[in-house]
Amino acid sequence: MAVKMRLARIGAKKQPTYRVVVADESSKRDGRLVERLGYYDPRTDPPTIVVNQTRVNYWLGVGARPTDSMGQLLRIAGITDQYAKQRTARKSKAAQVEPVAKPAPVETKPTEG
């Protein structure tokens, strides 16, 4: 099951407000969701973005992929930068561990008989 972090539209006609949700990528935009992480209101000045940072970081760490619009909102909120720093730190630690060298293959000569 591949999950995406995306926006689900709520609000009245011509008054959009969005929920920040984690949902299966095959579910509908406003359909079944896994978890609600916050909301986004583009009508305020400046637009309001409220998300639970710990849960967003958890879902990003587990492998949930944000949609393009959600990725932009996470960058504006400053969450993606923190996550990118965490991932690069993890990758650099993994790169420091040297792989174990494989033993040389042993050649056998056929016996004459």
Protein backbone atom coordinates (compact mmCIF):
# COMPACT_ATOMS: atom_id res chain seq x y z
CA MET A 1 0.00 0.00 0.00
CA ALA A 2 1.63 3.23 -1.18
CA VAL A 3 0.56 6.24 0.82
CA LYS A 4 0.57 9.89 -0.16
CA MET A 5 0.46 13.04 1.90
CA ARG A 6 -2.04 15.32 0.20
CA LEU A 7 -4.79 17.92 0.56
CA ALA A 8 -8.47 17.01 0.92
CA ARG A 9 -10.83 19.87 0.05
CA ILE A 10 -13.43 20.93 2.59
CA GLY A 11 -15.40 24.14 2.93
CA ALA A 12 -18.33 25.73 1.15
CA LYS A 13 -18.68 26.59 -2.51
CA LYS A 14 -16.02 29.14 -3.55
CA GLN A 15 -14.59 29.11 -0.01
CA PRO A 16 -11.91 26.41 -0.10
CA THR A 17 -10.22 25.07 2.99
CA TYR A 18 -8.07 21.96 2.92
CA ARG A 19 -7.19 19.19 5.33
CA VAL A 20 -3.66 17.84 5.29
CA VAL A 21 -4.14 14.07 5.20
CA VAL A 22 -2.27 10.83 4.63
CA ALA A 23 -4.22 8.52 2.34
CA ASP A 24 -3.73 5.53 0.10
CA GLU A 25 -2.75 6.81 -3.33
CA SER A 26 -5.60 4.94 -5.03
CA SER A 27 -8.33 6.49 -2.83
CA LYS A 28 -10.37 9.48 -3.95
CA ARG A 29 -9.39 13.06 -3.10
CA ASP A 30 -11.99 13.38 -0.34
CA GLY A 31 -12.28 9.64 0.26
CA ARG A 32 -10.92 7.32 2.89
CA LEU A 33 -7.86 8.57 4.74
CA VAL A 34 -5.29 7.03 7.03
CA GLU A 35 -4.63 10.03 9.27
CA ARG A 36 -5.46 13.74 9.41
CA LEU A 37 -2.37 15.84 10.07
CA GLY A 38 -3.64 19.42 10.00
CA TYR A 39 -5.27 22.01 7.77
CA TYR A 40 -4.50 24.73 5.24
CA ASP A 41 -6.60 27.88 4.74
CA PRO A 42 -5.55 29.85 1.63
CA ARG A 43 -8.17 32.58 2.19
CA THR A 44 -6.44 34.24 5.15
CA ASP A 45 -3.70 36.80 4.67
CA PRO A 46 -1.08 35.28 4.96
CA PRO A 47 -2.41 31.75 4.27
CA THR A 48 -2.67 29.57 7.39
CA ILE A 49 -0.80 26.27 7.52
CA VAL A 50 -1.23 24.20 10.69
CA VAL A 51 0.27 20.69 10.80
CA ASN A 52 1.43 18.23 13.44
CA GLN A 53 5.18 18.24 12.73
CA THR A 54 5.98 15.05 14.60
CA ARG A 55 3.41 13.06 12.63
CA VAL A 56 4.49 14.63 9.33
CA ASN A 57 8.10 13.66 10.06
CA TYR A 58 6.94 10.16 11.00
CA TRP A 59 5.04 9.67 7.76
CA LEU A 60 7.89 11.08 5.67
CA GLY A 61 10.25 8.71 7.46
CA VAL A 62 8.00 5.73 6.80
CA GLY A 63 7.93 6.54 3.08
CA ALA A 64 4.78 8.58 2.45
CA ARG A 65 5.29 10.78 -0.59
CA PRO A 66 3.86 14.29 -0.55
CA THR A 67 2.08 15.54 -3.66
CA ASP A 68 3.55 18.55 -5.46
CA SER A 69 1.23 21.05 -3.75
CA MET A 70 1.76 19.41 -0.38
CA GLY A 71 5.52 19.50 -0.88
CA GLN A 72 5.36 23.25 -1.51
CA LEU A 73 3.33 23.78 1.66
CA LEU A 74 5.79 21.71 3.69
CA ARG A 75 8.66 23.81 2.32
CA ILE A 76 6.81 27.01 3.27
CA ALA A 77 6.22 25.64 6.78
CA GLY A 78 9.91 24.68 7.00
CA ILE A 79 9.26 21.00 7.66
CA THR A 80 10.79 19.54 4.51
CA ASP A 81 14.11 21.26 5.20
CA GLN A 82 14.30 19.59 8.62
CA TYR A 83 13.42 16.22 7.09
CA ALA A 84 16.02 16.61 4.33
CA LYS A 85 18.70 17.34 6.94
CA GLN A 86 17.71 14.23 8.91
CA ARG A 87 17.86 12.04 5.79
CA THR A 88 21.27 13.33 4.71
CA ALA A 89 22.59 12.70 8.23
CA ARG A 90 21.27 9.13 8.09
CA LYS A 91 22.74 8.55 4.64
CA SER A 92 26.16 9.86 5.67
CA LYS A 93 26.18 7.53 8.69
CA ALA A 94 25.27 4.61 6.45
CA ALA A 95 28.04 5.54 4.01
CA GLN A 96 30.63 5.51 6.79
CA VAL A 97 30.02 1.82 7.47
CA GLU A 98 32.32 -0.10 5.16
CA PRO A 99 30.91 -3.19 3.47
CA VAL A 100 32.51 -6.50 4.37
CA ALA A 101 34.87 -7.70 1.64
CA LYS A 102 33.89 -10.93 -0.09
CA PRO A 103 36.41 -13.77 0.15
CA ALA A 104 38.36 -14.55 -3.00
CA PRO A 105 36.85 -17.37 -5.06
CA VAL A 106 38.64 -20.68 -4.61
CA GLU A 107 39.63 -22.41 -7.82
CA THR A 108 39.65 -26.18 -7.89
CA LYS A 109 41.54 -28.24 -10.44
CA PRO A 110 39.96 -31.38 -11.77
CA THR A 111 41.69 -34.51 -10.53
CA GLU A 112 43.11 -36.92 -13.04
CA GLY A 113 42.04 -40.41 -12.54
